[in-house]
């Protein structure tokens, strides 16, 4: 019961006072299955992009963190090919920082901050992290190209207010670099790290 009343309050707050650059809503009236969109921050390689996320609220919420993943492909050291996010606020202690006092709005804001300021020391994608640390111009170029291909061009056909027509339905979940990026890559197979 506490979960439902808390979710109602949070959804009300998200609809009346959404954090800057993001929206969140229920899918088909299911309170534990939410969708969100985050606008890429100004001055970041994600600028101009609209990124869709899926939010699954567990039975034990707020004592367990929501499960959030990107539906829109994003080139980022802390977000893997399946859209999973390596972030302390999405994990329980002792390894994570989730607390029942946090809410979906604050977690979305922290994800928006992670987009602007990646954490290459705790990556899910080791090769992207290495690129971020050692060849930042190449990282920025690839991140911009992915944003243009997946988060800008795919969103141009969305009708105003048509939140169910997310870009997720317009491409497969397999993430490949845009053609120009693939041609410039001369490195071994990607190595992924499991975020613990």
Protein backbone atom coordinates (compact mmCIF):
# COMPACT_ATOMS: atom_id res chain seq x y z
CA UNK A 1 0.00 0.00 0.00
CA UNK A 2 2.87 2.35 0.85
CA UNK A 3 4.36 1.70 -2.58
CA UNK A 4 1.16 2.66 -4.44
CA UNK A 5 0.51 5.84 -2.46
CA UNK A 6 4.15 6.89 -2.81
CA UNK A 7 4.13 6.22 -6.56
CA UNK A 8 0.93 8.26 -6.94
CA UNK A 9 2.57 11.20 -5.15
CA UNK A 10 5.74 10.88 -7.24
CA UNK A 11 3.85 10.69 -10.54
CA UNK A 12 1.75 13.70 -9.54
CA UNK A 13 4.93 15.65 -8.72
CA UNK A 14 6.56 14.57 -11.99
CA UNK A 15 3.56 15.72 -14.02
CA UNK A 16 3.05 19.07 -12.26
CA UNK A 17 6.69 19.98 -11.52
CA UNK A 18 8.93 17.90 -13.79
CA UNK A 19 12.69 18.39 -13.38
CA UNK A 20 14.17 20.50 -16.19
CA UNK A 21 14.76 18.54 -19.38
CA UNK A 22 12.80 15.42 -18.51
CA UNK A 23 9.33 13.89 -18.48
CA UNK A 24 7.96 10.70 -16.92
CA UNK A 25 4.61 8.92 -17.32
CA UNK A 26 2.79 5.62 -16.77
CA UNK A 27 2.41 3.13 -19.58
CA UNK A 28 -1.15 1.98 -20.17
CA UNK A 29 -2.23 2.84 -16.65
CA UNK A 30 0.31 0.50 -15.01
CA UNK A 31 1.84 2.30 -12.08
CA UNK A 32 4.90 0.03 -11.86
CA UNK A 33 5.81 0.33 -15.56
CA UNK A 34 6.90 3.85 -16.43
CA UNK A 35 8.59 5.61 -19.34
CA UNK A 36 10.75 8.70 -19.20
CA UNK A 37 12.50 10.97 -21.63
CA UNK A 38 15.63 12.98 -20.93
CA UNK A 39 16.81 15.81 -23.17
CA UNK A 40 20.57 15.76 -23.79
CA UNK A 41 22.28 18.57 -21.91
CA UNK A 42 23.59 21.72 -23.61
CA UNK A 43 27.33 21.53 -24.16
CA UNK A 44 27.41 17.72 -24.00
CA UNK A 45 27.74 15.34 -26.96
CA UNK A 46 24.09 14.39 -26.29
CA UNK A 47 22.81 17.93 -26.91
CA UNK A 48 19.73 17.99 -29.13
CA UNK A 49 18.92 14.34 -28.41
CA UNK A 50 15.79 12.98 -26.78
CA UNK A 51 16.57 9.76 -24.89
CA UNK A 52 13.81 7.36 -23.85
CA UNK A 53 14.09 5.23 -20.71
CA UNK A 54 12.13 2.35 -19.23
CA UNK A 55 11.45 2.33 -15.48
CA UNK A 56 10.30 -0.81 -13.67
CA UNK A 57 9.23 -0.22 -10.08
CA UNK A 58 9.84 -3.29 -7.87
CA UNK A 59 7.35 -4.62 -5.29
CA UNK A 60 9.60 -3.50 -2.41
CA UNK A 61 9.89 0.11 -3.64
CA UNK A 62 10.99 2.46 -1.99
CA UNK A 63 13.16 -0.02 -0.08
CA UNK A 64 14.55 -1.27 -3.41
CA UNK A 65 15.64 1.04 -6.23
CA UNK A 66 13.71 1.23 -9.50
CA UNK A 67 15.17 -0.68 -12.44
CA UNK A 68 15.94 1.84 -15.17
CA UNK A 69 17.42 1.31 -18.61
CA UNK A 70 17.87 3.38 -21.75
CA UNK A 71 15.67 2.43 -24.69
CA UNK A 72 17.47 4.88 -26.97
CA UNK A 73 21.03 3.78 -27.81
CA UNK A 74 23.64 6.04 -26.25
CA UNK A 75 27.43 5.99 -26.57
CA UNK A 76 28.51 6.25 -22.94
CA UNK A 77 31.05 4.45 -20.71
CA UNK A 78 28.47 3.81 -17.96
CA UNK A 79 25.63 2.53 -20.18
CA UNK A 80 25.89 -0.82 -21.95
CA UNK A 81 24.44 -2.21 -25.18
CA UNK A 82 21.24 -3.30 -23.44
CA UNK A 83 20.71 0.19 -22.02
CA UNK A 84 21.64 -0.84 -18.46
CA UNK A 85 23.10 1.95 -16.35
CA UNK A 86 25.99 1.67 -13.91
CA UNK A 87 25.13 4.24 -11.25
CA UNK A 88 25.34 4.10 -7.44
CA UNK A 89 21.81 5.47 -6.99
CA UNK A 90 20.41 2.39 -8.77
CA UNK A 91 22.06 -0.12 -6.42
CA UNK A 92 21.41 -1.10 -2.81
CA UNK A 93 24.09 -0.59 -0.14
CA UNK A 94 26.79 -1.58 0.63
CA UNK A 95 27.93 -1.22 -3.00
CA UNK A 96 25.25 1.27 -3.96
CA UNK A 97 23.80 4.51 -2.64
CA UNK A 98 20.04 3.85 -2.93
CA UNK A 99 18.02 5.06 0.05
CA UNK A 100 14.23 5.09 0.51
CA UNK A 101 14.43 8.89 0.75
CA UNK A 102 15.44 9.01 -2.94
CA UNK A 103 12.72 9.01 -5.58
CA UNK A 104 12.30 8.53 -9.32
CA UNK A 105 12.72 12.24 -9.98
CA UNK A 106 16.05 12.44 -8.14
CA UNK A 107 17.31 9.27 -9.83
CA UNK A 108 16.39 10.64 -13.27
CA UNK A 109 18.20 13.87 -12.41
CA UNK A 110 21.28 11.89 -11.39
CA UNK A 111 21.15 9.94 -14.68
CA UNK A 112 20.94 13.25 -16.54
CA UNK A 113 24.03 14.38 -14.60
CA UNK A 114 25.82 11.10 -15.43
CA UNK A 115 25.14 11.79 -19.11
CA UNK A 116 26.86 15.17 -18.75
CA UNK A 117 29.68 13.84 -16.57
CA UNK A 118 30.53 10.17 -17.28
CA UNK A 119 32.40 8.17 -14.64
CA UNK A 120 35.14 6.35 -16.59
CA UNK A 121 36.49 4.78 -13.38
CA UNK A 122 33.34 2.63 -12.92
CA UNK A 123 32.46 1.67 -16.50
CA UNK A 124 30.15 -0.88 -18.02
CA UNK A 125 31.84 -0.44 -21.39
CA UNK A 126 35.61 -0.69 -20.83
CA UNK A 127 36.54 0.25 -24.39
CA UNK A 128 34.39 3.41 -24.33
CA UNK A 129 35.83 4.29 -20.92
CA UNK A 130 39.37 3.90 -22.24
CA UNK A 131 38.49 6.07 -25.22
CA UNK A 132 36.95 8.69 -22.89
CA UNK A 133 40.17 8.79 -20.82
CA UNK A 134 42.78 8.55 -23.58
CA UNK A 135 41.15 9.90 -26.75
CA UNK A 136 38.37 12.25 -25.68
CA UNK A 137 37.95 13.93 -29.10
CA UNK A 138 37.17 10.51 -30.66
CA UNK A 139 34.75 9.71 -27.82
CA UNK A 140 32.96 13.04 -28.29
CA UNK A 141 32.74 12.53 -32.06
CA UNK A 142 31.22 9.05 -31.68
CA UNK A 143 28.82 10.16 -28.93
CA UNK A 144 27.59 13.05 -31.13
CA UNK A 145 27.13 10.72 -34.12
CA UNK A 146 25.15 8.21 -32.05
CA UNK A 147 23.03 11.05 -30.66
CA UNK A 148 22.34 12.36 -34.16
CA UNK A 149 21.54 8.90 -35.53
CA UNK A 150 19.50 7.45 -32.66
CA UNK A 151 18.22 10.34 -30.53
CA UNK A 152 17.65 13.16 -33.03
CA UNK A 153 16.78 11.69 -36.42
CA UNK A 154 14.60 8.93 -34.95
CA UNK A 155 12.60 11.46 -32.94
CA UNK A 156 11.74 13.85 -35.74
CA UNK A 157 8.65 11.82 -36.67
CA UNK A 158 7.15 11.79 -33.18
CA UNK A 159 3.81 13.50 -32.92
CA UNK A 160 3.47 16.05 -30.16
CA UNK A 161 2.28 14.30 -27.02
CA UNK A 162 2.56 10.84 -28.61
CA UNK A 163 4.72 9.33 -25.91
CA UNK A 164 3.90 5.73 -26.83
CA UNK A 165 5.55 6.20 -30.22
CA UNK A 166 9.03 6.09 -28.75
CA UNK A 167 12.13 5.53 -30.85
CA UNK A 168 12.47 2.05 -29.31
CA UNK A 169 10.03 0.65 -31.85
CA UNK A 170 12.00 2.07 -34.76
CA UNK A 171 15.26 0.17 -34.43
CA UNK A 172 16.61 -3.06 -33.04
CA UNK A 173 18.23 -3.17 -29.61
CA UNK A 174 21.56 -4.15 -31.17
CA UNK A 175 23.71 -1.08 -31.00
CA UNK A 176 26.07 -0.46 -33.81
CA UNK A 177 28.07 2.64 -34.37
CA UNK A 178 26.93 4.87 -37.19
CA UNK A 179 28.59 3.95 -40.50
CA UNK A 180 31.18 6.75 -40.39
CA UNK A 181 32.29 5.68 -36.89
CA UNK A 182 32.54 1.99 -37.78
CA UNK A 183 34.86 2.83 -40.66
CA UNK A 184 37.26 4.72 -38.36
CA UNK A 185 37.44 2.03 -35.70
CA UNK A 186 40.61 -0.03 -35.78
CA UNK A 187 40.50 -1.77 -32.42
CA UNK A 188 39.69 -5.21 -31.02
CA UNK A 189 36.27 -6.49 -29.97
CA UNK A 190 34.54 -4.48 -27.21
CA UNK A 191 35.17 -5.67 -23.67
CA UNK A 192 32.42 -5.14 -21.16
CA UNK A 193 32.73 -5.01 -17.40
CA UNK A 194 29.88 -6.01 -15.16
CA UNK A 195 29.01 -3.17 -12.84
CA UNK A 196 28.90 -4.55 -9.31
